Amino acid sequence: MIIKESKNIENENYVSVFGASAMSGVDGPGVRTVVFFQGCPVNCIWCHSPHSRSLISPLIFFKQNCRMCMRCQQICEQDVHIFKNEKHIIYRNLCIKCGNCIKACPESSVYNESSVLQFPTKYITPENLLEQLLPYITLCDGITLSGGEALLQENTPKFLELCKEKNIHVCVETSGLLDDNRYMNALPFVDVWLFGIRVLTDKSVNLHTKTLISNSRLIKSHLNAIIIPAIPLIPGITENTLQESLSVIEIINPAEIWLNPWNQSYDVYYTAMGIETAFPKPTEASIKKCEEDVQTFFRKKGLKTVLRK
């Protein structure tokens, strides 16, 4: 699904998104329309969407589909694109994000998500965003705001309010690690919270347990609030933080726990951004063992888990 930018948006009246998906069965209860908001304050070393972290996406380049026609080099005045020894080299530090290379590339377009060259970030008013998504939402059980971290943006509550005015079932996927005021502003408009429990996000020993517990209590205090804990299965990390995750889950007291399997496409956007991965790609054996260990742990605690595929 392609999101088209708003024209002549005011500086203070837009949200930035980097994609949307229709008919998703894994991003909340039922079948959902999902919109992915740009920007994330959490630096999870296993993140499979590194292009979502900054407020503006970097230039994405899928080199396997490049024709080597050199049109991007010819149009770019910043010397971002260099062709040398039959290789297409990109100097992103020189890029001013003008988009001329995308327009010149025969394999790229702002209306094509599989383009060789991409700037995924789109700027759009909340009203325009809902207008574009509404035909898809009416075929689903509701909308899910994902990311990045949707609530990081100042105008997200406005979009949530518009959804609620149209009686759209709203689910927000969050790390649970934002300042409590972000959740307070969104609480009146959200039906379900998909609470991604990431007790550990990096190689340090800094646990986020207290923040997760505090925000869980805050959301639970709201009338009729529903929280679904969603735990990413990261071999070597998730198994070692189960007790801390359990302390958060006990506050939520859910009917079931969603387990998100390891994303096999973890490294795709790192390659497309020209950066190294921060987490070693796990083996199939370690992925399977992680799934089994986590399921066994919660089963022994009398808790139901659902492995999402």
C-alpha atoms as a PDB file:
ATOM      1  CA  MET A   1       0.000   0.000   0.000  1.00  0.00           C
ATOM      2  CA  ILE A   2       1.479   3.337  -1.079  1.00  0.00           C
ATOM      3  CA  ILE A   3       0.914   6.424   1.082  1.00  0.00           C
ATOM      4  CA  LYS A   4       0.944   9.670  -0.898  1.00  0.00           C
ATOM      5  CA  GLU A   5       2.329  12.771   0.759  1.00  0.00           C
ATOM      6  CA  SER A   6       0.144  15.772   1.495  1.00  0.00           C
ATOM      7  CA  LYS A   7       0.797  18.869  -0.590  1.00  0.00           C
ATOM      8  CA  ASN A   8       1.631  22.181   1.087  1.00  0.00           C
ATOM      9  CA  ILE A   9       1.489  20.805   4.610  1.00  0.00           C
ATOM     10  CA  GLU A  10       1.938  23.232   7.472  1.00  0.00           C
ATOM     11  CA  ASN A  11       5.008  22.701   9.626  1.00  0.00           C
ATOM     12  CA  GLU A  12       3.013  21.765  12.697  1.00  0.00           C
ATOM     13  CA  ASN A  13       0.232  19.770  11.093  1.00  0.00           C
ATOM     14  CA  TYR A  14       1.582  16.476   9.833  1.00  0.00           C
ATOM     15  CA  VAL A  15       2.718  13.026  10.834  1.00  0.00           C
ATOM     16  CA  SER A  16       5.564  11.134   9.177  1.00  0.00           C
ATOM     17  CA  VAL A  17       5.099   7.512   8.156  1.00  0.00           C
ATOM     18  CA  PHE A  18       7.273   5.050   6.286  1.00  0.00           C
ATOM     19  CA  GLY A  19       4.719   2.540   5.112  1.00  0.00           C
ATOM     20  CA  ALA A  20       1.336   0.902   5.457  1.00  0.00           C
ATOM     21  CA  SER A  21      -0.050  -2.584   5.054  1.00  0.00           C
ATOM     22  CA  ALA A  22      -3.552  -3.888   4.377  1.00  0.00           C
ATOM     23  CA  MET A  23      -5.121  -7.109   5.660  1.00  0.00           C
ATOM     24  CA  SER A  24      -2.473  -7.972   8.262  1.00  0.00           C
ATOM     25  CA  GLY A  25      -3.209 -10.909  10.541  1.00  0.00           C
ATOM     26  CA  VAL A  26      -0.324 -10.393  12.983  1.00  0.00           C
ATOM     27  CA  ASP A  27      -0.564  -6.746  14.058  1.00  0.00           C
ATOM     28  CA  GLY A  28      -3.375  -6.841  16.573  1.00  0.00           C
ATOM     29  CA  PRO A  29      -6.673  -8.687  17.038  1.00  0.00           C
ATOM     30  CA  GLY A  30      -8.322  -9.927  13.847  1.00  0.00           C
ATOM     31  CA  VAL A  31      -7.343  -8.531  10.476  1.00  0.00           C
ATOM     32  CA  ARG A  32      -5.865  -5.042  10.554  1.00  0.00           C
ATOM     33  CA  THR A  33      -4.812  -2.145   8.394  1.00  0.00           C
ATOM     34  CA  VAL A  34      -1.388  -1.141   9.696  1.00  0.00           C
ATOM     35  CA  VAL A  35       0.407   2.186   9.342  1.00  0.00           C
ATOM     36  CA  PHE A  36       4.063   2.495  10.315  1.00  0.00           C
ATOM     37  CA  PHE A  37       5.120   5.771  11.928  1.00  0.00           C
ATOM     38  CA  GLN A  38       8.635   7.140  11.535  1.00  0.00           C
ATOM     39  CA  GLY A  39      10.948   7.542  14.521  1.00  0.00           C
ATOM     40  CA  CYS A  40      11.849   5.350  17.489  1.00  0.00           C
ATOM     41  CA  PRO A  41      13.662   6.242  20.733  1.00  0.00           C
ATOM     42  CA  VAL A  42      14.670   2.636  21.447  1.00  0.00           C
ATOM     43  CA  ASN A  43      17.838   1.161  19.973  1.00  0.00           C
ATOM     44  CA  CYS A  44      17.095  -2.572  19.954  1.00  0.00           C
ATOM     45  CA  ILE A  45      20.172  -4.312  18.597  1.00  0.00           C
ATOM     46  CA  TRP A  46      18.035  -6.930  16.829  1.00  0.00           C
ATOM     47  CA  CYS A  47      15.719  -4.372  15.164  1.00  0.00           C
ATOM     48  CA  HIS A  48      14.744  -5.400  11.620  1.00  0.00           C
ATOM     49  CA  SER A  49      13.627  -1.860  10.700  1.00  0.00           C
ATOM     50  CA  PRO A  50      16.685   0.352  11.333  1.00  0.00           C
ATOM     51  CA  HIS A  51      15.351   2.842   8.763  1.00  0.00           C
ATOM     52  CA  SER A  52      12.474   3.600  11.148  1.00  0.00           C
ATOM     53  CA  ARG A  53      14.647   4.924  13.985  1.00  0.00           C
ATOM     54  CA  SER A  54      15.535   8.447  12.861  1.00  0.00           C
ATOM     55  CA  LEU A  55      12.882  11.094  12.253  1.00  0.00           C
ATOM     56  CA  ILE A  56      13.717  10.979   8.537  1.00  0.00           C
ATOM     57  CA  SER A  57      14.611   7.756   6.766  1.00  0.00           C
ATOM     58  CA  PRO A  58      18.025   7.564   5.085  1.00  0.00           C
ATOM     59  CA  LEU A  59      18.375   6.717   1.396  1.00  0.00           C
ATOM     60  CA  ILE A  60      17.514   3.046   0.853  1.00  0.00           C
ATOM     61  CA  PHE A  61      19.287   1.173  -1.954  1.00  0.00           C
ATOM     62  CA  PHE A  62      18.445  -2.383  -3.042  1.00  0.00           C
ATOM     63  CA  LYS A  63      21.528  -3.034  -5.139  1.00  0.00           C
ATOM     64  CA  GLN A  64      20.437  -6.446  -6.461  1.00  0.00           C
ATOM     65  CA  ASN A  65      17.943  -4.715  -8.787  1.00  0.00           C
ATOM     66  CA  CYS A  66      20.235  -1.906  -9.979  1.00  0.00           C
ATOM     67  CA  ARG A  67      20.711  -1.765 -13.784  1.00  0.00           C
ATOM     68  CA  MET A  68      23.985   0.165 -13.466  1.00  0.00           C
ATOM     69  CA  CYS A  69      22.613   2.730 -15.917  1.00  0.00           C
ATOM     70  CA  MET A  70      24.341   5.565 -14.017  1.00  0.00           C
ATOM     71  CA  ARG A  71      21.414   7.967 -14.415  1.00  0.00           C
ATOM     72  CA  CYS A  72      21.450   8.655 -10.660  1.00  0.00           C
ATOM     73  CA  GLN A  73      25.106   9.708 -10.890  1.00  0.00           C
ATOM     74  CA  GLN A  74      24.381  11.985 -13.834  1.00  0.00           C
ATOM     75  CA  ILE A  75      21.518  13.796 -12.081  1.00  0.00           C
ATOM     76  CA  CYS A  76      23.013  14.047  -8.571  1.00  0.00           C
ATOM     77  CA  GLU A  77      24.889  17.294  -7.916  1.00  0.00           C
ATOM     78  CA  GLN A  78      26.171  16.115  -4.524  1.00  0.00           C
ATOM     79  CA  ASP A  79      28.267  13.166  -5.786  1.00  0.00           C
ATOM     80  CA  VAL A  80      26.244  10.736  -3.696  1.00  0.00           C
ATOM     81  CA  HIS A  81      26.294   8.056  -6.406  1.00  0.00           C
ATOM     82  CA  ILE A  82      29.622   6.802  -7.714  1.00  0.00           C
ATOM     83  CA  PHE A  83      30.187   3.894 -10.106  1.00  0.00           C
ATOM     84  CA  LYS A  84      33.580   2.274  -9.718  1.00  0.00           C
ATOM     85  CA  ASN A  85      34.903  -1.162 -10.649  1.00  0.00           C
ATOM     86  CA  GLU A  86      31.402  -2.222 -11.713  1.00  0.00           C
ATOM     87  CA  LYS A  87      29.987  -1.305  -8.312  1.00  0.00           C
ATOM     88  CA  HIS A  88      27.378   1.285  -7.379  1.00  0.00           C
ATOM     89  CA  ILE A  89      28.737   3.110  -4.308  1.00  0.00           C
ATOM     90  CA  ILE A  90      26.553   5.483  -2.279  1.00  0.00           C
ATOM     91  CA  TYR A  91      27.887   8.229  -0.013  1.00  0.00           C
ATOM     92  CA  ARG A  92      24.835   8.882   2.140  1.00  0.00           C
ATOM     93  CA  ASN A  93      26.654  11.506   4.222  1.00  0.00           C
ATOM     94  CA  LEU A  94      26.530  13.770   1.148  1.00  0.00           C
ATOM     95  CA  CYS A  95      22.840  13.198   0.460  1.00  0.00           C
ATOM     96  CA  ILE A  96      20.499  16.203   0.843  1.00  0.00           C
ATOM     97  CA  LYS A  97      17.386  14.035   0.214  1.00  0.00           C
ATOM     98  CA  CYS A  98      16.280  15.934  -2.871  1.00  0.00           C
ATOM     99  CA  GLY A  99      14.951  12.740  -4.470  1.00  0.00           C
ATOM    100  CA  ASN A 100      16.310  13.505  -7.952  1.00  0.00           C
ATOM    101  CA  CYS A 101      18.077  10.139  -8.123  1.00  0.00           C
ATOM    102  CA  ILE A 102      14.785   8.321  -7.530  1.00  0.00           C
ATOM    103  CA  LYS A 103      13.111  10.288 -10.314  1.00  0.00           C
ATOM    104  CA  ALA A 104      15.980   9.504 -12.699  1.00  0.00           C
ATOM    105  CA  CYS A 105      16.208   5.790 -11.906  1.00  0.00           C
ATOM    106  CA  PRO A 106      14.213   3.598 -14.347  1.00  0.00           C
ATOM    107  CA  GLU A 107      13.697   1.051 -11.567  1.00  0.00           C
ATOM    108  CA  SER A 108      12.495   3.517  -8.924  1.00  0.00           C
ATOM    109  CA  SER A 109       9.424   5.577  -8.120  1.00  0.00           C
ATOM    110  CA  VAL A 110       7.952   7.254  -5.048  1.00  0.00           C
ATOM    111  CA  TYR A 111       4.854   5.168  -5.808  1.00  0.00           C
ATOM    112  CA  ASN A 112       6.669   1.822  -5.798  1.00  0.00           C
ATOM    113  CA  GLU A 113       7.689   0.135  -2.534  1.00  0.00           C
ATOM    114  CA  SER A 114      10.043  -2.237  -4.377  1.00  0.00           C
ATOM    115  CA  SER A 115      12.078   0.599  -5.915  1.00  0.00           C
ATOM    116  CA  VAL A 116      15.857   0.277  -6.173  1.00  0.00           C
ATOM    117  CA  LEU A 117      16.231   3.719  -4.556  1.00  0.00           C
ATOM    118  CA  GLN A 118      13.834   4.883  -1.844  1.00  0.00           C
ATOM    119  CA  PHE A 119      13.090   7.539   0.741  1.00  0.00           C
ATOM    120  CA  PRO A 120      10.364   5.700   2.698  1.00  0.00           C
ATOM    121  CA  THR A 121       9.413   8.674   4.900  1.00  0.00           C
ATOM    122  CA  LYS A 122       6.230  10.442   3.840  1.00  0.00           C
ATOM    123  CA  TYR A 123       4.819  13.632   5.410  1.00  0.00           C
ATOM    124  CA  ILE A 124       1.068  13.765   5.594  1.00  0.00           C
ATOM    125  CA  THR A 125      -1.691  15.470   7.544  1.00  0.00           C
ATOM    126  CA  PRO A 126      -3.680  13.256   9.932  1.00  0.00           C
ATOM    127  CA  GLU A 127      -6.837  13.988   7.898  1.00  0.00           C
ATOM    128  CA  ASN A 128      -5.218  12.984   4.599  1.00  0.00           C
ATOM    129  CA  LEU A 129      -3.705   9.854   6.116  1.00  0.00           C
ATOM    130  CA  LEU A 130      -7.075   8.632   7.378  1.00  0.00           C
ATOM    131  CA  GLU A 131      -8.706   9.439   4.065  1.00  0.00           C
ATOM    132  CA  GLN A 132      -6.184   7.262   2.233  1.00  0.00           C
ATOM    133  CA  LEU A 133      -6.430   4.383   4.705  1.00  0.00           C
ATOM    134  CA  LEU A 134     -10.207   4.374   5.176  1.00  0.00           C
ATOM    135  CA  PRO A 135     -11.066   2.205   2.117  1.00  0.00           C
ATOM    136  CA  TYR A 136      -8.806  -0.517   3.526  1.00  0.00           C
ATOM    137  CA  ILE A 137      -9.885  -0.107   7.148  1.00  0.00           C
ATOM    138  CA  THR A 138     -13.534  -0.699   6.223  1.00  0.00           C
ATOM    139  CA  LEU A 139     -12.549  -4.178   5.013  1.00  0.00           C
ATOM    140  CA  CYS A 140     -10.757  -5.013   8.280  1.00  0.00           C
ATOM    141  CA  ASP A 141     -11.397  -5.242  12.006  1.00  0.00           C
ATOM    142  CA  GLY A 142      -9.638  -1.949  12.621  1.00  0.00           C
ATOM    143  CA  ILE A 143      -6.382  -0.056  12.354  1.00  0.00           C
ATOM    144  CA  THR A 144      -3.036  -0.621  14.095  1.00  0.00           C
ATOM    145  CA  LEU A 145      -0.511   2.143  14.614  1.00  0.00           C
ATOM    146  CA  SER A 146       2.964   0.679  14.547  1.00  0.00           C
ATOM    147  CA  GLY A 147       6.445   1.952  13.864  1.00  0.00           C
ATOM    148  CA  GLY A 148       8.968   2.967  14.848  1.00  0.00           C
ATOM    149  CA  GLU A 149       6.975   4.303  17.747  1.00  0.00           C
ATOM    150  CA  ALA A 150       3.724   5.995  16.721  1.00  0.00           C
ATOM    151  CA  LEU A 151       3.175   7.939  19.943  1.00  0.00           C
ATOM    152  CA  LEU A 152       6.537   9.657  19.633  1.00  0.00           C
ATOM    153  CA  GLN A 153       4.997  12.185  17.231  1.00  0.00           C
ATOM    154  CA  GLU A 154       3.094  15.203  18.517  1.00  0.00           C
ATOM    155  CA  ASN A 155       0.242  14.915  15.999  1.00  0.00           C
ATOM    156  CA  THR A 156      -0.470  11.209  16.486  1.00  0.00           C
ATOM    157  CA  PRO A 157      -3.207  11.919  19.104  1.00  0.00           C
ATOM    158  CA  LYS A 158      -4.984  14.019  16.466  1.00  0.00           C
ATOM    159  CA  PHE A 159      -4.974  11.039  14.101  1.00  0.00           C
ATOM    160  CA  LEU A 160      -6.243   8.792  16.908  1.00  0.00           C
ATOM    161  CA  GLU A 161      -9.046  11.246  17.645  1.00  0.00           C
ATOM    162  CA  LEU A 162     -10.099  11.227  13.987  1.00  0.00           C
ATOM    163  CA  CYS A 163     -10.210   7.418  14.023  1.00  0.00           C
ATOM    164  CA  LYS A 164     -12.341   7.408  17.148  1.00  0.00           C
ATOM    165  CA  GLU A 165     -14.768   9.915  15.614  1.00  0.00           C
ATOM    166  CA  LYS A 166     -15.414   7.354  12.868  1.00  0.00           C
ATOM    167  CA  ASN A 167     -15.797   4.509  15.385  1.00  0.00           C
ATOM    168  CA  ILE A 168     -12.703   2.732  14.076  1.00  0.00           C
ATOM    169  CA  HIS A 169     -11.266   0.047  16.351  1.00  0.00           C
ATOM    170  CA  VAL A 170      -7.767   1.255  17.219  1.00  0.00           C
ATOM    171  CA  CYS A 171      -4.754  -0.782  18.301  1.00  0.00           C
ATOM    172  CA  VAL A 172      -1.418   0.835  19.143  1.00  0.00           C
ATOM    173  CA  GLU A 173       1.797  -1.161  19.093  1.00  0.00           C
ATOM    174  CA  THR A 174       4.324   0.246  21.530  1.00  0.00           C
ATOM    175  CA  SER A 175       7.533  -0.653  23.302  1.00  0.00           C
ATOM    176  CA  GLY A 176       5.975   0.570  26.537  1.00  0.00           C
ATOM    177  CA  LEU A 177       9.096   2.655  27.124  1.00  0.00           C
ATOM    178  CA  LEU A 178       7.855   6.164  26.373  1.00  0.00           C
ATOM    179  CA  ASP A 179       7.209   8.915  28.910  1.00  0.00           C
ATOM    180  CA  ASP A 180       3.881   8.369  30.660  1.00  0.00           C
ATOM    181  CA  ASN A 181       2.357  11.568  29.218  1.00  0.00           C
ATOM    182  CA  ARG A 182       2.516  10.005  25.734  1.00  0.00           C
ATOM    183  CA  TYR A 183       0.235   7.215  26.936  1.00  0.00           C
ATOM    184  CA  MET A 184      -2.016   9.548  28.923  1.00  0.00           C
ATOM    185  CA  ASN A 185      -2.746  11.626  25.788  1.00  0.00           C
ATOM    186  CA  ALA A 186      -3.603   8.531  23.749  1.00  0.00           C
ATOM    187  CA  LEU A 187      -5.588   6.521  26.308  1.00  0.00           C
ATOM    188  CA  PRO A 188      -9.081   7.896  25.459  1.00  0.00           C
ATOM    189  CA  PHE A 189      -8.732   6.840  21.815  1.00  0.00           C
ATOM    190  CA  VAL A 190      -7.121   3.382  21.993  1.00  0.00           C
ATOM    191  CA  ASP A 191      -9.058   0.111  22.262  1.00  0.00           C
ATOM    192  CA  VAL A 192      -6.158  -2.343  22.422  1.00  0.00           C
ATOM    193  CA  TRP A 193      -2.496  -1.943  23.302  1.00  0.00           C
ATOM    194  CA  LEU A 194      -0.009  -4.308  21.700  1.00  0.00           C
ATOM    195  CA  PHE A 195       2.640  -4.050  24.376  1.00  0.00           C
ATOM    196  CA  GLY A 196       6.041  -5.172  23.069  1.00  0.00           C
ATOM    197  CA  ILE A 197       7.895  -6.324  26.165  1.00  0.00           C
ATOM    198  CA  ARG A 198      11.563  -5.589  25.540  1.00  0.00           C
ATOM    199  CA  VAL A 199      13.122  -5.805  28.963  1.00  0.00           C
ATOM    200  CA  LEU A 200      16.565  -5.578  27.379  1.00  0.00           C
ATOM    201  CA  THR A 201      17.238  -3.613  24.192  1.00  0.00           C
ATOM    202  CA  ASP A 202      21.007  -3.509  23.866  1.00  0.00           C
ATOM    203  CA  LYS A 203      24.222  -5.197  24.931  1.00  0.00           C
ATOM    204  CA  SER A 204      24.329  -3.418  28.287  1.00  0.00           C
ATOM    205  CA  VAL A 205      22.800  -4.687  31.514  1.00  0.00           C
ATOM    206  CA  ASN A 206      20.302  -1.826  31.744  1.00  0.00           C
ATOM    207  CA  LEU A 207      16.878  -3.391  32.199  1.00  0.00           C
ATOM    208  CA  HIS A 208      13.661  -1.503  31.433  1.00  0.00           C
ATOM    209  CA  THR A 209      11.515  -3.483  33.856  1.00  0.00           C
ATOM    210  CA  LYS A 210      10.504  -0.573  36.092  1.00  0.00           C
ATOM    211  CA  THR A 211       9.408   1.595  33.149  1.00  0.00           C
ATOM    212  CA  LEU A 212       7.406  -1.254  31.625  1.00  0.00           C
ATOM    213  CA  ILE A 213       5.676  -1.966  34.945  1.00  0.00           C
ATOM    214  CA  SER A 214       4.881   1.715  35.521  1.00  0.00           C
ATOM    215  CA  ASN A 215       3.363   2.201  32.059  1.00  0.00           C
ATOM    216  CA  SER A 216       1.482  -1.099  32.312  1.00  0.00           C
ATOM    217  CA  ARG A 217      -0.165   0.097  35.510  1.00  0.00           C
ATOM    218  CA  LEU A 218      -0.987   3.440  33.923  1.00  0.00           C
ATOM    219  CA  ILE A 219      -2.739   1.866  30.934  1.00  0.00           C
ATOM    220  CA  LYS A 220      -4.489  -0.758  33.078  1.00  0.00           C
ATOM    221  CA  SER A 221      -5.946   2.006  35.235  1.00  0.00           C
ATOM    222  CA  HIS A 222      -7.939   3.282  32.269  1.00  0.00           C
ATOM    223  CA  LEU A 223     -11.472   1.942  32.018  1.00  0.00           C
ATOM    224  CA  ASN A 224     -11.809  -1.032  29.636  1.00  0.00           C
ATOM    225  CA  ALA A 225      -8.158  -0.867  28.562  1.00  0.00           C
ATOM    226  CA  ILE A 226      -6.948  -4.080  26.946  1.00  0.00           C
ATOM    227  CA  ILE A 227      -3.249  -4.923  26.808  1.00  0.00           C
ATOM    228  CA  ILE A 228      -1.796  -7.799  24.806  1.00  0.00           C
ATOM    229  CA  PRO A 229       1.823  -8.502  25.741  1.00  0.00           C
ATOM    230  CA  ALA A 230       3.919  -9.286  22.672  1.00  0.00           C
ATOM    231  CA  ILE A 231       7.387 -10.669  23.316  1.00  0.00           C
ATOM    232  CA  PRO A 232       9.988 -10.756  20.523  1.00  0.00           C
ATOM    233  CA  LEU A 233      11.841 -14.074  20.448  1.00  0.00           C
ATOM    234  CA  ILE A 234      15.510 -13.096  20.290  1.00  0.00           C
ATOM    235  CA  PRO A 235      17.838 -16.079  20.797  1.00  0.00           C
ATOM    236  CA  GLY A 236      20.282 -15.450  23.605  1.00  0.00           C
ATOM    237  CA  ILE A 237      18.304 -12.512  25.009  1.00  0.00           C
ATOM    238  CA  THR A 238      14.643 -13.409  25.513  1.00  0.00           C
ATOM    239  CA  GLU A 239      15.416 -16.665  27.365  1.00  0.00           C
ATOM    240  CA  ASN A 240      17.630 -14.760  29.809  1.00  0.00           C
ATOM    241  CA  THR A 241      15.064 -12.080  30.689  1.00  0.00           C
ATOM    242  CA  LEU A 242      11.959 -14.204  31.214  1.00  0.00           C
ATOM    243  CA  GLN A 243      11.706 -13.577  34.940  1.00  0.00           C
ATOM    244  CA  GLU A 244      11.791  -9.813  34.388  1.00  0.00           C
ATOM    245  CA  SER A 245       9.206 -10.122  31.605  1.00  0.00           C
ATOM    246  CA  LEU A 246       7.005 -12.140  33.936  1.00  0.00           C
ATOM    247  CA  SER A 247       6.948  -9.313  36.479  1.00  0.00           C
ATOM    248  CA  VAL A 248       5.488  -7.047  33.781  1.00  0.00           C
ATOM    249  CA  ILE A 249       3.014  -9.669  32.558  1.00  0.00           C
ATOM    250  CA  GLU A 250       1.721 -10.193  36.089  1.00  0.00           C
ATOM    251  CA  ILE A 251       0.680  -6.520  36.153  1.00  0.00           C
ATOM    252  CA  ILE A 252      -1.069  -6.837  32.779  1.00  0.00           C
ATOM    253  CA  ASN A 253      -2.787 -10.146  33.686  1.00  0.00           C
ATOM    254  CA  PRO A 254      -3.542 -11.029  30.044  1.00  0.00           C
ATOM    255  CA  ALA A 255      -5.642 -13.852  28.622  1.00  0.00           C
ATOM    256  CA  GLU A 256      -2.677 -14.824  26.452  1.00  0.00           C
ATOM    257  CA  ILE A 257       0.854 -13.794  25.552  1.00  0.00           C
ATOM    258  CA  TRP A 258       1.849 -13.253  21.941  1.00  0.00           C
ATOM    259  CA  LEU A 259       5.280 -14.495  20.944  1.00  0.00           C
ATOM    260  CA  ASN A 260       6.782 -12.863  17.878  1.00  0.00           C
ATOM    261  CA  PRO A 261       9.212 -15.231  16.110  1.00  0.00           C
ATOM    262  CA  TRP A 262      12.626 -14.182  14.895  1.00  0.00           C
ATOM    263  CA  ASN A 263      12.356 -12.140  11.698  1.00  0.00           C
ATOM    264  CA  GLN A 264      14.233 -14.034   8.982  1.00  0.00           C
ATOM    265  CA  SER A 265      14.596 -10.792   6.993  1.00  0.00           C
ATOM    266  CA  TYR A 266      16.380  -9.112   9.892  1.00  0.00           C
ATOM    267  CA  ASP A 267      19.390  -7.941   7.873  1.00  0.00           C
ATOM    268  CA  VAL A 268      17.651  -6.711   4.692  1.00  0.00           C
ATOM    269  CA  TYR A 269      17.436  -3.027   5.595  1.00  0.00           C
ATOM    270  CA  TYR A 270      20.903  -2.930   7.136  1.00  0.00           C
ATOM    271  CA  THR A 271      22.291  -3.965   3.758  1.00  0.00           C
ATOM    272  CA  ALA A 272      20.025  -1.464   2.000  1.00  0.00           C
ATOM    273  CA  MET A 273      21.296   1.301   4.307  1.00  0.00           C
ATOM    274  CA  GLY A 274      24.936   0.307   3.921  1.00  0.00           C
ATOM    275  CA  ILE A 275      25.458  -0.362   7.637  1.00  0.00           C
ATOM    276  CA  GLU A 276      26.546  -3.353   9.693  1.00  0.00           C
ATOM    277  CA  THR A 277      24.100  -5.352  11.762  1.00  0.00           C
ATOM    278  CA  ALA A 278      24.478  -4.985  15.520  1.00  0.00           C
ATOM    279  CA  PHE A 279      23.272  -8.491  16.329  1.00  0.00           C
ATOM    280  CA  PRO A 280      24.642 -11.748  14.861  1.00  0.00           C
ATOM    281  CA  LYS A 281      22.130 -13.652  12.790  1.00  0.00           C
ATOM    282  CA  PRO A 282      21.076 -16.676  14.874  1.00  0.00           C
ATOM    283  CA  THR A 283      21.123 -20.267  13.672  1.00  0.00           C
ATOM    284  CA  GLU A 284      17.937 -22.197  12.953  1.00  0.00           C
ATOM    285  CA  ALA A 285      18.717 -24.414  15.949  1.00  0.00           C
ATOM    286  CA  SER A 286      19.000 -21.431  18.324  1.00  0.00           C
ATOM    287  CA  ILE A 287      15.773 -19.931  16.947  1.00  0.00           C
ATOM    288  CA  LYS A 288      13.885 -23.164  17.569  1.00  0.00           C
ATOM    289  CA  LYS A 289      15.398 -23.597  21.035  1.00  0.00           C
ATOM    290  CA  CYS A 290      14.415 -20.037  21.979  1.00  0.00           C
ATOM    291  CA  GLU A 291      10.811 -20.665  20.919  1.00  0.00           C
ATOM    292  CA  GLU A 292      10.643 -23.921  22.886  1.00  0.00           C
ATOM    293  CA  ASP A 293      12.306 -22.510  26.019  1.00  0.00           C
ATOM    294  CA  VAL A 294      10.035 -19.470  26.188  1.00  0.00           C
ATOM    295  CA  GLN A 295       6.862 -21.480  25.576  1.00  0.00           C
ATOM    296  CA  THR A 296       7.880 -24.000  28.232  1.00  0.00           C
ATOM    297  CA  PHE A 297       8.634 -21.258  30.769  1.00  0.00           C
ATOM    298  CA  PHE A 298       5.206 -19.634  30.486  1.00  0.00           C
ATOM    299  CA  ARG A 299       3.369 -22.954  30.265  1.00  0.00           C
ATOM    300  CA  LYS A 300       4.853 -23.943  33.624  1.00  0.00           C
ATOM    301  CA  LYS A 301       3.554 -20.643  35.014  1.00  0.00           C
ATOM    302  CA  GLY A 302       0.061 -21.531  33.803  1.00  0.00           C
ATOM    303  CA  LEU A 303       0.064 -18.866  31.097  1.00  0.00           C
ATOM    304  CA  LYS A 304      -1.175 -19.326  27.543  1.00  0.00           C
ATOM    305  CA  THR A 305       1.137 -18.333  24.697  1.00  0.00           C
ATOM    306  CA  VAL A 306       0.402 -17.875  20.997  1.00  0.00           C
ATOM    307  CA  LEU A 307       3.324 -18.126  18.557  1.00  0.00           C
ATOM    308  CA  ARG A 308       2.626 -15.557  15.843  1.00  0.00           C
ATOM    309  CA  LYS A 309       3.601 -16.468  12.286  1.00  0.00           C
END
